[in-house]
Amino acid sequence: MTKITIDPITRIEGHLRIDVEVDGGKVQKAWASSTMWRGIERILLGRDPREAWLFTQRFCGVCTTVHALASVRAVEDALNLPIPKNAQYIRNLILIAHALHDHIVHFYQLSALDWVDVTQVLKADPKKASSIAESLSDWPNNSAKEMAAVKTRVKGLVDSGQLGPFAHGYWGHPAMKLPPEVNLIAVAHYLQALEYQRYANQVVAMLGGKTPHIQNVAVGGVSNAINIESEAALNVDRLYAMKSLFDKVVGFVQNVYVPDVCAVAGFYPDWFGYGSGVTNYLSVPDLPLDEKSTEFELPGGFIPHGDLSKLRPITGQKDEAWRKAVTEDSEHAWYKSGGALHPWKGETEPNFTDWQADGKYSWVKAPRYEGEPAQVGPLANVLVGYASGNPLMKKWTDAALAKISAIAGVTATPAMLHSTLGRHGARAVRTAVLSELATKHWQLLTDNVLKGDTAIFNPPTFPKGEIEGVGFHEAPRGTLSHWVVVDDGVIKNYQAVVPTTWNASPRDSKNTLGPYEASLLGTPIADAQHPLEVLRTIHSFDPCMACAVHMFDPAGNNVARVKVL
């Protein structure tokens, strides 16, 4: 039995430690431990609920807009406050643009290097690479000249002895299987992705006032003044400037990102057999279309045990089954409470014990849906959409599976998506779906503005006594929910149950593994000194530990000492 500890996992947001025990060349046991903390929930106690979104989007420097929107939605839900259509569309466009940026960065900058061997680029034939790329799509930046230029840039890095962002990779690892030309294509698109993700982020900044940490949302709507004749407001020129940026991103997503993921999957078909783990899937409906948030562009639901025929739809934030089903368990997390608590009753009292394999070992709690662990993220979102018959989800899922089948020479099916590669494929599918919805929701906003509707805000009024609300959003990393209890107009309790808390969950009171831990079981490890295979599966979830943890000691006591290397 070999024990492997990877601490920290890099190319993620925050600090994550993974421990695995390997026997017979495969992972037999696994532990996921978050080794960082935050304390926003405790800071919010006693504050005005209208301020909460400004604090909660500081959970993280990456997942900013998502927490702002989930927070205002929670308070709006408690107040039963309708939102003007313009505000819904503006919020939707911010969330879509943020997700497009996030998904592009995740594949190219944060996880592609688990599959792409940069050092093999020097062996590639640029003309052959161009021919392969052009067979996958008609993207104009796949020319032999472009590929030759990238090869020259990589050679310059190698000759300098400083690989920059490509340093410290597991180059030459036996699990790397891409031909040199495909590696060259991937590196070329890695560099192009740096440009195209920026266009999506510009839309977030144009509507949100800045990014990260947008400034335009409010409980009741948004603060974007609309006047098609004013240079100081959201006008026709700005609307079409945003459309121009979206058009660029849409082209990259559909002609580069999706084909690249399919190509990588086609060369690693065995990885459709690894990384399944927890196959309960949770996704919430999002992109509301009406003022009362009862109609959504994308469906939500819970799929038990991977059986798409047993989808249990979630109709909205008022869905009673949803409101009752979520709990968080702290049996193996560094908090005093042990058993399952509903978020409206949630506690975050620290109880640090050091790392204990059979005790407490993470700052992350263990969320459960109807008492069971659930995987969240693009895979859950796509499977719920596919099971619901969503036309765009079916269109892009079927197209991706067909392309993978053609490249790999196998018949790819939706069942293969329960895997490490399936998570990457689903994220590409979701990005393609959102790229189409970017155009649709831009048109919805534009049409509504041009017909003379300029409403953006409904003022909230807080009643005496206690009210409860939940706001959710299907964020890039999965189901995000904020739960607030307001008493006489101030916050009495606040809990955020975030995507990475679901996926990075430690064991619960029943000793049931969370999704990260379960997904690693059975993973082959070719070289214990270079556990690339572990990174592949963990990165496929796109961890964000900054969002996932809770901790605050109001007395200012020293709870733990951390040595920074």
Protein backbone atom coordinates (compact mmCIF):
# COMPACT_ATOMS: atom_id res chain seq x y z
CA MET A 1 0.00 0.00 0.00
CA THR A 2 1.43 3.40 -1.05
CA LYS A 3 0.21 6.66 0.49
CA ILE A 4 0.32 9.73 -1.77
CA THR A 5 -0.32 13.27 -0.53
CA ILE A 6 -0.67 16.14 -3.01
CA ASP A 7 -0.63 19.43 -1.13
CA PRO A 8 -1.43 21.85 -2.56
CA ILE A 9 -3.30 20.91 -5.71
CA THR A 10 -2.37 23.66 -8.17
CA ARG A 11 -4.19 25.21 -11.13
CA ILE A 12 -7.28 25.74 -8.96
CA GLU A 13 -8.68 28.61 -6.87
CA GLY A 14 -7.64 28.20 -3.25
CA HIS A 15 -5.87 25.45 -1.30
CA LEU A 16 -6.76 21.77 -1.59
CA ARG A 17 -5.00 18.69 -0.28
CA ILE A 18 -5.70 15.24 -1.71
CA ASP A 19 -4.57 12.02 0.00
CA VAL A 20 -4.88 8.65 -1.70
CA GLU A 21 -3.84 5.11 -0.84
CA VAL A 22 -2.71 3.09 -3.84
CA ASP A 23 -2.58 -0.68 -4.01
CA GLY A 24 -2.15 -2.82 -7.10
CA GLY A 25 -1.57 0.30 -9.19
CA LYS A 26 -5.01 1.75 -8.39
CA VAL A 27 -6.47 4.17 -5.85
CA GLN A 28 -8.23 2.28 -3.03
CA LYS A 29 -8.96 5.12 -0.58
CA ALA A 30 -9.14 8.91 -0.91
CA TRP A 31 -9.56 12.02 1.24
CA ALA A 32 -10.24 15.59 0.07
CA SER A 33 -9.17 18.31 2.50
CA SER A 34 -9.55 22.05 2.18
CA THR A 35 -6.76 23.71 4.12
CA MET A 36 -7.99 27.32 3.97
CA TRP A 37 -10.89 29.20 5.51
CA ARG A 38 -13.11 32.29 5.29
CA GLY A 39 -15.70 33.94 7.55
CA ILE A 40 -18.14 36.02 5.55
CA GLU A 41 -21.25 34.35 7.03
CA ARG A 42 -20.34 35.44 10.54
CA ILE A 43 -19.44 38.93 9.36
CA LEU A 44 -22.94 39.30 7.89
CA LEU A 45 -24.79 38.70 11.16
CA GLY A 46 -26.71 41.78 12.24
CA ARG A 47 -26.23 43.58 8.92
CA ASP A 48 -28.76 44.99 6.49
CA PRO A 49 -29.73 42.21 4.00
CA ARG A 50 -29.34 44.69 1.14
CA GLU A 51 -25.59 44.78 1.85
CA ALA A 52 -25.00 41.03 1.84
CA TRP A 53 -24.21 40.69 -1.87
CA LEU A 54 -21.32 43.16 -1.58
CA PHE A 55 -19.70 40.94 1.05
CA THR A 56 -20.52 37.50 -0.36
CA GLN A 57 -18.94 38.10 -3.74
CA ARG A 58 -15.70 38.56 -1.78
CA PHE A 59 -15.75 34.84 -1.00
CA CYS A 60 -13.51 34.53 -4.02
CA GLY A 61 -11.71 36.56 -6.68
CA VAL A 62 -12.93 34.23 -9.42
CA CYS A 63 -16.52 33.33 -8.48
CA THR A 64 -17.67 36.89 -7.87
CA THR A 65 -20.77 37.64 -9.93
CA VAL A 66 -22.30 34.29 -8.97
CA HIS A 67 -22.34 35.07 -5.25
CA ALA A 68 -23.65 38.59 -5.82
CA LEU A 69 -26.64 37.25 -7.77
CA ALA A 70 -27.35 34.30 -5.45
CA SER A 71 -27.30 36.69 -2.49
CA VAL A 72 -29.77 39.25 -3.86
CA ARG A 73 -31.99 36.40 -5.06
CA ALA A 74 -32.07 34.98 -1.52
CA VAL A 75 -33.28 38.26 -0.05
CA GLU A 76 -35.74 38.78 -2.91
CA ASP A 77 -37.11 35.28 -2.31
CA ALA A 78 -37.66 36.06 1.38
CA LEU A 79 -39.56 39.23 0.38
CA ASN A 80 -41.42 37.66 -2.58
CA LEU A 81 -40.11 40.62 -4.54
CA PRO A 82 -40.61 40.61 -8.36
CA ILE A 83 -37.77 41.78 -10.61
CA PRO A 84 -38.25 43.92 -13.77
CA LYS A 85 -37.56 42.09 -17.02
CA ASN A 86 -34.69 44.39 -17.97
CA ALA A 87 -32.99 43.56 -14.68
CA GLN A 88 -33.48 39.83 -15.25
CA TYR A 89 -32.00 40.06 -18.76
CA ILE A 90 -29.04 42.19 -17.63
CA ARG A 91 -28.31 39.77 -14.80
CA ASN A 92 -28.60 36.84 -17.21
CA LEU A 93 -26.15 38.41 -19.64
CA ILE A 94 -23.63 39.01 -16.85
CA LEU A 95 -23.94 35.41 -15.68
CA ILE A 96 -23.64 34.05 -19.23
CA ALA A 97 -20.59 36.20 -20.02
CA HIS A 98 -18.94 35.25 -16.73
CA ALA A 99 -19.55 31.55 -17.40
CA LEU A 100 -18.18 31.76 -20.95
CA HIS A 101 -14.99 33.34 -19.61
CA ASP A 102 -14.76 30.86 -16.74
CA HIS A 103 -15.25 27.71 -18.84
CA ILE A 104 -12.73 28.77 -21.49
CA VAL A 105 -10.10 29.50 -18.84
CA HIS A 106 -10.82 26.24 -17.03
CA PHE A 107 -10.20 24.01 -20.01
CA TYR A 108 -7.21 25.75 -21.58
CA GLN A 109 -5.36 27.37 -18.70
CA LEU A 110 -6.32 25.14 -15.73
CA SER A 111 -6.72 21.58 -17.01
CA ALA A 112 -5.63 21.07 -20.63
CA LEU A 113 -2.02 20.61 -19.54
CA ASP A 114 -3.07 17.39 -17.78
CA TRP A 115 -3.61 15.95 -21.26
CA VAL A 116 -1.28 17.99 -23.48
CA ASP A 117 2.49 17.46 -23.50
CA VAL A 118 4.01 20.84 -24.38
CA THR A 119 7.48 19.38 -24.95
CA GLN A 120 6.14 17.27 -27.81
CA VAL A 121 5.25 20.42 -29.75
CA LEU A 122 8.83 20.63 -31.02
CA LYS A 123 8.33 17.31 -32.85
CA ALA A 124 5.16 18.49 -34.63
CA ASP A 125 4.74 19.23 -38.33
CA PRO A 126 2.88 22.58 -38.54
CA LYS A 127 1.32 21.73 -41.92
CA LYS A 128 0.02 18.42 -40.64
CA ALA A 129 -1.24 20.10 -37.47
CA SER A 130 -3.07 22.70 -39.56
CA SER A 131 -4.65 19.97 -41.69
CA ILE A 132 -5.92 18.15 -38.60
CA ALA A 133 -7.30 21.35 -37.07
CA GLU A 134 -9.02 22.36 -40.29
CA SER A 135 -10.67 18.93 -40.48
CA LEU A 136 -12.31 19.64 -37.10
CA SER A 137 -13.66 23.14 -37.84
CA ASP A 138 -13.32 26.13 -40.17
CA TRP A 139 -11.70 28.34 -37.52
CA PRO A 140 -9.59 30.90 -39.45
CA ASN A 141 -6.66 30.82 -37.00
CA ASN A 142 -5.72 27.21 -37.75
CA SER A 143 -3.38 27.95 -40.66
CA ALA A 144 0.02 26.32 -41.10
CA LYS A 145 1.55 29.78 -40.61
CA GLU A 146 -0.17 30.11 -37.22
CA MET A 147 0.97 26.65 -36.13
CA ALA A 148 4.55 27.32 -37.24
CA ALA A 149 4.59 30.58 -35.28
CA VAL A 150 3.43 28.81 -32.12
CA LYS A 151 6.04 26.10 -32.55
CA THR A 152 8.70 28.81 -32.83
CA ARG A 153 7.44 30.48 -29.63
CA VAL A 154 7.58 27.19 -27.73
CA LYS A 155 11.09 26.53 -29.03
CA GLY A 156 12.12 29.96 -27.76
CA LEU A 157 10.83 29.08 -24.30
CA VAL A 158 12.61 25.73 -24.29
CA ASP A 159 15.87 27.24 -25.52
CA SER A 160 15.70 29.91 -22.81
CA GLY A 161 15.45 27.28 -20.11
CA GLN A 162 12.41 29.06 -18.67
CA LEU A 163 9.10 27.45 -19.61
CA GLY A 164 7.00 30.10 -17.89
CA PRO A 165 3.41 28.82 -17.47
CA PHE A 166 4.50 25.46 -18.86
CA ALA A 167 7.11 24.81 -16.16
CA HIS A 168 6.84 21.89 -13.72
CA GLY A 169 4.45 19.82 -15.82
CA TYR A 170 4.55 16.03 -15.89
CA TRP A 171 6.03 16.10 -19.38
CA GLY A 172 6.84 12.70 -20.86
CA HIS A 173 4.47 10.98 -18.42
CA PRO A 174 3.34 7.53 -19.70
CA ALA A 175 -0.30 8.65 -19.46
CA MET A 176 0.26 11.37 -22.11
CA LYS A 177 -0.97 10.04 -25.47
CA LEU A 178 -1.59 12.93 -27.86
CA PRO A 179 0.36 12.99 -31.16
CA PRO A 180 2.80 15.93 -31.49
CA GLU A 181 0.53 17.72 -33.99
CA VAL A 182 -2.48 17.59 -31.65
CA ASN A 183 -0.28 18.92 -28.84
CA LEU A 184 0.69 21.80 -31.14
CA ILE A 185 -2.96 22.56 -31.93
CA ALA A 186 -3.81 22.56 -28.23
CA VAL A 187 -0.96 24.94 -27.34
CA ALA A 188 -1.93 27.27 -30.19
CA HIS A 189 -5.49 27.39 -28.91
CA TYR A 190 -4.24 27.76 -25.31
CA LEU A 191 -2.66 31.05 -26.38
CA GLN A 192 -5.70 32.15 -28.39
CA ALA A 193 -7.96 31.39 -25.43
CA LEU A 194 -6.16 34.07 -23.41
CA GLU A 195 -7.51 36.62 -25.88
CA TYR A 196 -11.04 35.32 -26.32
CA GLN A 197 -11.84 34.84 -22.63
CA ARG A 198 -11.05 38.53 -22.25
CA TYR A 199 -13.88 39.51 -24.60
CA ALA A 200 -16.41 37.72 -22.41
CA ASN A 201 -15.04 39.43 -19.32
CA GLN A 202 -15.38 42.82 -21.03
CA VAL A 203 -19.14 42.24 -21.22
CA VAL A 204 -19.21 41.53 -17.48
CA ALA A 205 -17.36 44.80 -16.85
CA MET A 206 -19.58 46.82 -19.21
CA LEU A 207 -22.76 45.72 -17.45
CA GLY A 208 -21.38 45.19 -13.96
CA GLY A 209 -19.33 48.38 -13.70
CA LYS A 210 -16.14 46.40 -13.07
CA THR A 211 -14.86 42.87 -12.79
CA PRO A 212 -14.09 41.06 -10.60
CA HIS A 213 -16.69 42.13 -8.01
CA ILE A 214 -19.48 43.74 -10.03
CA GLN A 215 -21.19 46.86 -8.69
CA ASN A 216 -24.54 47.04 -10.49
CA VAL A 217 -26.86 44.60 -8.72
CA ALA A 218 -29.26 45.41 -5.89
CA VAL A 219 -32.02 43.70 -3.97
CA GLY A 220 -34.88 44.46 -6.33
CA GLY A 221 -33.03 44.67 -9.64
CA VAL A 222 -29.98 46.44 -11.07
CA SER A 223 -28.59 49.99 -11.17
CA ASN A 224 -27.96 50.15 -14.94
CA ALA A 225 -29.76 53.28 -16.13
CA ILE A 226 -31.37 52.71 -19.54
CA ASN A 227 -31.68 55.57 -22.02
CA ILE A 228 -31.07 54.84 -25.69
CA GLU A 229 -30.24 58.51 -26.34
CA SER A 230 -27.83 59.08 -23.44
CA GLU A 231 -24.08 58.54 -23.58
CA ALA A 232 -24.09 58.04 -19.79
CA ALA A 233 -26.59 55.15 -19.82
CA LEU A 234 -27.13 51.76 -21.40
CA ASN A 235 -27.84 52.81 -24.98
CA VAL A 236 -27.93 51.28 -28.47
CA ASP A 237 -24.18 51.81 -29.02
CA ARG A 238 -23.31 49.90 -25.85
CA LEU A 239 -25.78 47.14 -26.64
CA TYR A 240 -24.17 46.57 -30.04
CA ALA A 241 -20.66 46.84 -28.59
CA MET A 242 -21.59 43.96 -26.29
CA LYS A 243 -23.01 41.97 -29.19
CA SER A 244 -19.74 42.40 -31.08
CA LEU A 245 -17.83 40.98 -28.13
CA PHE A 246 -20.26 38.09 -27.72
CA ASP A 247 -19.99 37.25 -31.42
CA LYS A 248 -16.23 36.82 -31.08
CA VAL A 249 -16.58 34.53 -28.08
CA VAL A 250 -19.35 32.49 -29.73
CA GLY A 251 -17.09 31.78 -32.70
CA PHE A 252 -14.24 30.64 -30.48
CA VAL A 253 -16.44 28.40 -28.33
CA GLN A 254 -18.19 26.67 -31.20
CA ASN A 255 -15.22 26.37 -33.58
CA VAL A 256 -12.31 25.87 -31.17
CA TYR A 257 -13.28 24.88 -27.63
CA VAL A 258 -15.85 22.21 -28.47
CA PRO A 259 -13.74 20.55 -31.22
CA ASP A 260 -10.64 20.62 -28.99
CA VAL A 261 -12.40 18.83 -26.11
CA CYS A 262 -13.78 16.26 -28.54
CA ALA A 263 -10.31 15.73 -30.02
CA VAL A 264 -8.70 15.21 -26.60
CA ALA A 265 -11.50 12.83 -25.62
CA GLY A 266 -11.06 10.93 -28.87
CA PHE A 267 -7.42 10.19 -28.07
CA TYR A 268 -8.15 9.16 -24.45
CA PRO A 269 -11.25 6.94 -24.73
CA ASP A 270 -10.14 4.86 -21.73
CA TRP A 271 -10.74 7.91 -19.52
CA PHE A 272 -14.47 7.58 -20.07
CA GLY A 273 -14.07 4.62 -17.71
CA TYR A 274 -12.51 6.56 -14.82
CA GLY A 275 -13.70 9.22 -12.41
CA SER A 276 -17.40 8.41 -12.15
CA GLY A 277 -17.80 8.41 -8.36
CA VAL A 278 -21.06 9.89 -7.09
CA THR A 279 -23.74 9.66 -9.79
CA ASN A 280 -26.49 11.55 -7.97
CA TYR A 281 -26.67 14.79 -9.94
CA LEU A 282 -28.07 18.13 -8.76
CA SER A 283 -28.70 21.17 -10.95
CA VAL A 284 -30.99 24.17 -10.43
CA PRO A 285 -33.04 26.06 -13.03
CA ASP A 286 -31.56 29.36 -14.14
CA LEU A 287 -31.73 32.36 -16.45
CA PRO A 288 -35.21 33.53 -15.37
CA LEU A 289 -37.48 34.87 -18.08
CA ASP A 290 -40.29 36.44 -16.04
CA GLU A 291 -40.54 38.97 -13.23
CA LYS A 292 -41.51 36.42 -10.57
CA SER A 293 -38.70 34.00 -11.49
CA THR A 294 -41.03 31.09 -12.21
CA GLU A 295 -39.98 30.52 -15.86
CA PHE A 296 -36.40 29.62 -16.71
CA GLU A 297 -34.30 29.21 -19.83
CA LEU A 298 -32.48 26.19 -18.38
CA PRO A 299 -34.20 23.44 -16.36
CA GLY A 300 -33.15 22.06 -12.99
CA GLY A 301 -33.59 18.80 -11.14
CA PHE A 302 -32.10 15.90 -9.24
CA ILE A 303 -31.04 12.65 -10.95
CA PRO A 304 -30.60 9.71 -8.52
CA HIS A 305 -27.92 7.10 -9.23
CA GLY A 306 -27.30 8.28 -12.79
CA ASP A 307 -30.73 7.17 -14.02
CA LEU A 308 -31.91 9.94 -16.35
CA SER A 309 -35.39 8.40 -16.51
CA LYS A 310 -35.88 9.18 -12.81
CA LEU A 311 -35.26 12.93 -13.03
CA ARG A 312 -37.00 14.88 -10.27
CA PRO A 313 -37.54 18.41 -11.61
CA ILE A 314 -36.86 21.48 -9.49
CA THR A 315 -39.31 24.16 -10.55
CA GLY A 316 -37.77 27.19 -8.84
CA GLN A 317 -36.65 28.68 -5.55
CA LYS A 318 -40.15 28.17 -4.09
CA ASP A 319 -40.05 24.43 -4.83
CA GLU A 320 -40.83 22.92 -1.41
CA ALA A 321 -38.97 19.66 -2.09
CA TRP A 322 -35.82 21.65 -2.91
CA ARG A 323 -36.18 23.93 0.11
CA LYS A 324 -36.39 20.94 2.47
CA ALA A 325 -33.84 18.62 0.85
CA VAL A 326 -30.53 20.47 1.44
CA THR A 327 -28.48 19.90 4.60
CA GLU A 328 -24.83 20.20 5.62
CA ASP A 329 -23.04 17.64 7.79
CA SER A 330 -19.91 18.54 9.82
CA GLU A 331 -19.00 15.15 11.27
CA HIS A 332 -15.64 15.12 9.46
CA ALA A 333 -15.22 18.89 9.07
CA TRP A 334 -13.49 21.22 11.51
CA TYR A 335 -16.68 22.53 13.16
CA LYS A 336 -18.30 21.77 16.50
CA SER A 337 -21.64 20.58 15.10
CA GLY A 338 -21.57 17.05 13.76
CA GLY A 339 -24.85 15.88 12.26
CA ALA A 340 -26.88 17.25 9.38
CA LEU A 341 -28.29 20.79 9.70
CA HIS A 342 -30.52 22.66 7.30
CA PRO A 343 -28.75 25.82 6.01
CA TRP A 344 -31.29 28.11 7.73
CA LYS A 345 -30.14 26.44 10.98
CA GLY A 346 -26.50 26.17 9.91
CA GLU A 347 -23.57 26.71 12.29
CA THR A 348 -19.93 27.58 11.63
CA GLU A 349 -18.26 27.24 15.04
CA PRO A 350 -14.65 26.06 14.44
CA ASN A 351 -13.20 22.91 16.02
CA PHE A 352 -9.75 22.36 14.54
CA THR A 353 -8.17 18.97 15.36
CA ASP A 354 -5.38 18.61 12.79
CA TRP A 355 -5.79 16.11 9.93
CA GLN A 356 -7.36 12.82 11.07
CA ALA A 357 -8.07 10.06 8.56
CA ASP A 358 -10.95 8.71 10.66
CA GLY A 359 -11.90 12.02 12.26
CA LYS A 360 -12.06 15.64 11.13
CA TYR A 361 -9.87 16.55 8.16
CA SER A 362 -11.30 19.50 6.18
CA TRP A 363 -12.73 23.00 6.49
CA VAL A 364 -15.38 21.97 3.94
CA LYS A 365 -18.74 20.73 5.22
CA ALA A 366 -20.62 17.80 3.66
CA PRO A 367 -23.76 18.98 1.83
CA ARG A 368 -26.41 16.34 1.23
CA TYR A 369 -29.57 16.27 -0.88
CA GLU A 370 -32.29 14.20 0.76
CA GLY A 371 -29.49 12.68 2.86
CA GLU A 372 -27.30 11.67 -0.10
CA PRO A 373 -24.16 13.16 -1.63
CA ALA A 374 -24.65 14.82 -5.00
CA GLN A 375 -22.32 15.81 -7.79
CA VAL A 376 -22.87 19.31 -9.13
CA GLY A 377 -21.35 21.14 -12.08
CA PRO A 378 -21.62 21.20 -15.87
CA LEU A 379 -22.08 17.42 -16.04
CA ALA A 380 -25.10 17.61 -13.73
CA ASN A 381 -26.40 20.63 -15.65
CA VAL A 382 -26.10 18.90 -19.02
CA LEU A 383 -27.56 15.58 -17.85
CA VAL A 384 -30.53 17.33 -16.23
CA GLY A 385 -31.03 19.37 -19.39
CA TYR A 386 -30.74 16.28 -21.57
CA ALA A 387 -33.17 14.31 -19.40
CA SER A 388 -35.57 17.28 -19.47
CA GLY A 389 -35.49 17.37 -23.27
CA ASN A 390 -33.95 20.84 -23.45
CA PRO A 391 -33.38 21.38 -27.21
CA LEU A 392 -29.99 23.12 -26.94
CA MET A 393 -28.63 20.60 -24.44
CA LYS A 394 -29.69 17.72 -26.68
CA LYS A 395 -28.35 19.43 -29.82
CA TRP A 396 -24.87 20.09 -28.47
CA THR A 397 -24.56 16.86 -26.45
CA ASP A 398 -25.46 14.74 -29.47
CA ALA A 399 -23.10 16.77 -31.69
CA ALA A 400 -20.19 16.36 -29.25
CA LEU A 401 -20.79 12.62 -28.85
CA ALA A 402 -20.90 12.22 -32.63
CA LYS A 403 -17.59 14.06 -33.07
CA ILE A 404 -15.93 12.02 -30.31
CA SER A 405 -17.22 8.82 -31.93
CA ALA A 406 -15.71 9.83 -35.27
CA ILE A 407 -12.30 10.67 -33.77
CA ALA A 408 -12.05 7.70 -31.39
CA GLY A 409 -13.63 5.11 -33.65
CA VAL A 410 -16.05 4.14 -30.86
CA THR A 411 -19.74 4.77 -30.26
CA ALA A 412 -19.87 7.50 -27.62
CA THR A 413 -23.10 7.58 -25.59
CA PRO A 414 -24.52 9.78 -22.80
CA ALA A 415 -23.71 6.97 -20.34
CA MET A 416 -19.99 7.60 -21.00
CA LEU A 417 -20.34 11.08 -19.56
CA HIS A 418 -20.29 9.64 -16.01
CA SER A 419 -16.50 10.07 -15.99
CA THR A 420 -13.52 12.39 -15.80
CA LEU A 421 -13.61 13.11 -19.52
CA GLY A 422 -17.39 13.34 -19.35
CA ARG A 423 -17.07 16.36 -17.07
CA HIS A 424 -14.86 18.08 -19.64
CA GLY A 425 -17.21 17.15 -22.45
CA ALA A 426 -20.23 18.41 -20.51
CA ARG A 427 -18.50 21.70 -19.73
CA ALA A 428 -17.82 22.22 -23.44
CA VAL A 429 -21.45 21.38 -24.23
CA ARG A 430 -22.71 23.81 -21.58
CA THR A 431 -20.42 26.53 -22.94
CA ALA A 432 -21.78 26.00 -26.46
CA VAL A 433 -25.35 26.19 -25.12
CA LEU A 434 -24.54 29.41 -23.26
CA SER A 435 -22.92 30.84 -26.38
CA GLU A 436 -26.28 30.52 -28.16
CA LEU A 437 -28.17 31.90 -25.17
CA ALA A 438 -25.86 34.93 -25.07
CA THR A 439 -27.24 35.97 -28.45
CA LYS A 440 -30.82 35.17 -27.44
CA HIS A 441 -30.78 37.09 -24.16
CA TRP A 442 -29.01 40.04 -25.77
CA GLN A 443 -31.91 40.15 -28.24
CA LEU A 444 -34.47 39.88 -25.42
CA LEU A 445 -32.91 42.85 -23.65
CA THR A 446 -32.53 44.88 -26.82
CA ASP A 447 -36.10 44.28 -27.95
CA ASN A 448 -37.47 45.17 -24.51
CA VAL A 449 -35.46 48.39 -24.36
CA LEU A 450 -36.36 49.45 -27.91
CA LYS A 451 -40.07 49.09 -27.19
CA GLY A 452 -39.69 51.70 -24.45
CA ASP A 453 -39.36 49.68 -21.23
CA THR A 454 -36.71 51.26 -19.01
CA ALA A 455 -37.69 49.74 -15.62
CA ILE A 456 -34.75 48.26 -13.72
CA PHE A 457 -35.65 48.23 -10.02
CA ASN A 458 -38.44 47.46 -7.54
CA PRO A 459 -37.68 48.83 -4.04
CA PRO A 460 -37.70 46.26 -1.22
CA THR A 461 -39.67 46.69 1.99
CA PHE A 462 -38.75 44.60 5.04
CA PRO A 463 -41.53 43.43 7.37
CA LYS A 464 -41.38 43.03 11.12
CA GLY A 465 -40.57 39.54 12.35
CA GLU A 466 -38.63 36.66 10.84
CA ILE A 467 -38.53 35.69 7.16
CA GLU A 468 -36.45 33.09 5.31
CA GLY A 469 -35.19 33.05 1.75
CA VAL A 470 -33.01 31.03 -0.60
CA GLY A 471 -31.38 32.25 -3.77
CA PHE A 472 -29.79 29.89 -6.24
CA HIS A 473 -27.77 30.04 -9.43
CA GLU A 474 -26.34 27.35 -11.70
CA ALA A 475 -22.79 28.70 -11.51
CA PRO A 476 -19.89 27.58 -13.72
CA ARG A 477 -18.89 25.02 -11.08
CA GLY A 478 -22.47 23.92 -10.37
CA THR A 479 -25.38 24.49 -8.02
CA LEU A 480 -24.87 27.50 -5.75
CA SER A 481 -27.37 28.48 -3.06
CA HIS A 482 -27.44 31.24 -0.46
CA TRP A 483 -29.77 30.82 2.53
CA VAL A 484 -30.74 33.84 4.64
CA VAL A 485 -32.83 34.36 7.77
CA VAL A 486 -33.88 38.00 8.30
CA ASP A 487 -35.38 39.18 11.59
CA ASP A 488 -36.79 42.70 11.89
CA GLY A 489 -34.85 43.80 8.84
CA VAL A 490 -31.40 42.48 9.83
CA ILE A 491 -29.58 39.23 9.06
CA LYS A 492 -30.04 36.60 11.77
CA ASN A 493 -28.36 33.70 9.93
CA TYR A 494 -26.61 33.30 6.58
CA GLN A 495 -25.17 30.22 4.91
CA ALA A 496 -23.75 29.69 1.42
CA VAL A 497 -23.81 26.13 0.09
CA VAL A 498 -21.50 26.38 -2.90
CA PRO A 499 -20.60 24.03 -5.77
CA THR A 500 -17.19 23.03 -4.46
CA THR A 501 -18.65 22.36 -1.02
CA TRP A 502 -20.87 19.75 -2.70
CA ASN A 503 -18.04 18.22 -4.74
CA ALA A 504 -15.16 18.53 -2.25
CA SER A 505 -17.36 17.19 0.56
CA PRO A 506 -15.58 15.06 3.15
CA ARG A 507 -17.22 11.96 4.58
CA ASP A 508 -20.51 12.53 6.41
CA SER A 509 -21.97 11.03 9.59
CA LYS A 510 -22.68 7.81 7.67
CA ASN A 511 -19.05 7.76 6.47
CA THR A 512 -20.25 8.27 2.88
CA LEU A 513 -17.59 9.72 0.59
CA GLY A 514 -18.02 13.00 -1.25
CA PRO A 515 -17.74 13.31 -5.06
CA TYR A 516 -13.98 14.09 -5.24
CA GLU A 517 -13.16 11.19 -2.98
CA ALA A 518 -15.48 8.69 -4.67
CA SER A 519 -14.33 9.72 -8.16
CA LEU A 520 -10.72 8.78 -7.41
CA LEU A 521 -11.43 5.19 -6.41
CA GLY A 522 -10.14 2.74 -8.99
CA THR A 523 -8.05 5.35 -10.79
CA PRO A 524 -4.85 3.79 -12.24
CA ILE A 525 -1.58 5.37 -11.07
CA ALA A 526 1.34 4.73 -13.43
CA ASP A 527 3.96 6.60 -11.35
CA ALA A 528 3.40 7.28 -7.63
CA GLN A 529 6.01 10.05 -7.75
CA HIS A 530 4.06 11.83 -10.49
CA PRO A 531 0.33 11.18 -9.82
CA LEU A 532 -0.94 12.90 -12.97
CA GLU A 533 -4.05 10.73 -13.03
CA VAL A 534 -5.24 12.14 -9.69
CA LEU A 535 -4.87 15.68 -11.00
CA ARG A 536 -6.84 14.85 -14.15
CA THR A 537 -9.90 13.81 -12.21
CA ILE A 538 -9.74 16.56 -9.57
CA HIS A 539 -9.18 19.27 -12.18
CA SER A 540 -12.19 18.00 -14.16
CA PHE A 541 -14.40 19.35 -11.34
CA ASP A 542 -12.74 22.80 -11.49
CA PRO A 543 -12.23 23.22 -7.71
CA CYS A 544 -12.75 26.58 -6.02
CA MET A 545 -11.78 26.11 -2.40
CA ALA A 546 -12.00 29.82 -1.60
CA CYS A 547 -15.78 29.57 -2.03
CA ALA A 548 -16.15 26.23 -0.28
CA VAL A 549 -14.99 26.78 3.28
CA HIS A 550 -16.31 28.55 6.38
CA MET A 551 -14.48 29.70 9.50
CA PHE A 552 -14.40 32.69 11.81
CA ASP A 553 -13.49 33.16 15.47
CA PRO A 554 -15.10 36.37 16.78
CA ALA A 555 -12.79 36.39 19.83
CA GLY A 556 -9.76 36.62 17.53
CA ASN A 557 -8.16 33.48 18.98
CA ASN A 558 -5.44 31.65 17.06
CA VAL A 559 -7.24 28.62 15.64
CA ALA A 560 -4.41 27.33 13.45
CA ARG A 561 -0.93 28.27 12.30
CA VAL A 562 -0.12 27.85 8.61
CA LYS A 563 3.43 27.88 7.30
CA VAL A 564 3.68 29.61 3.92
CA LEU A 565 6.51 28.24 1.83
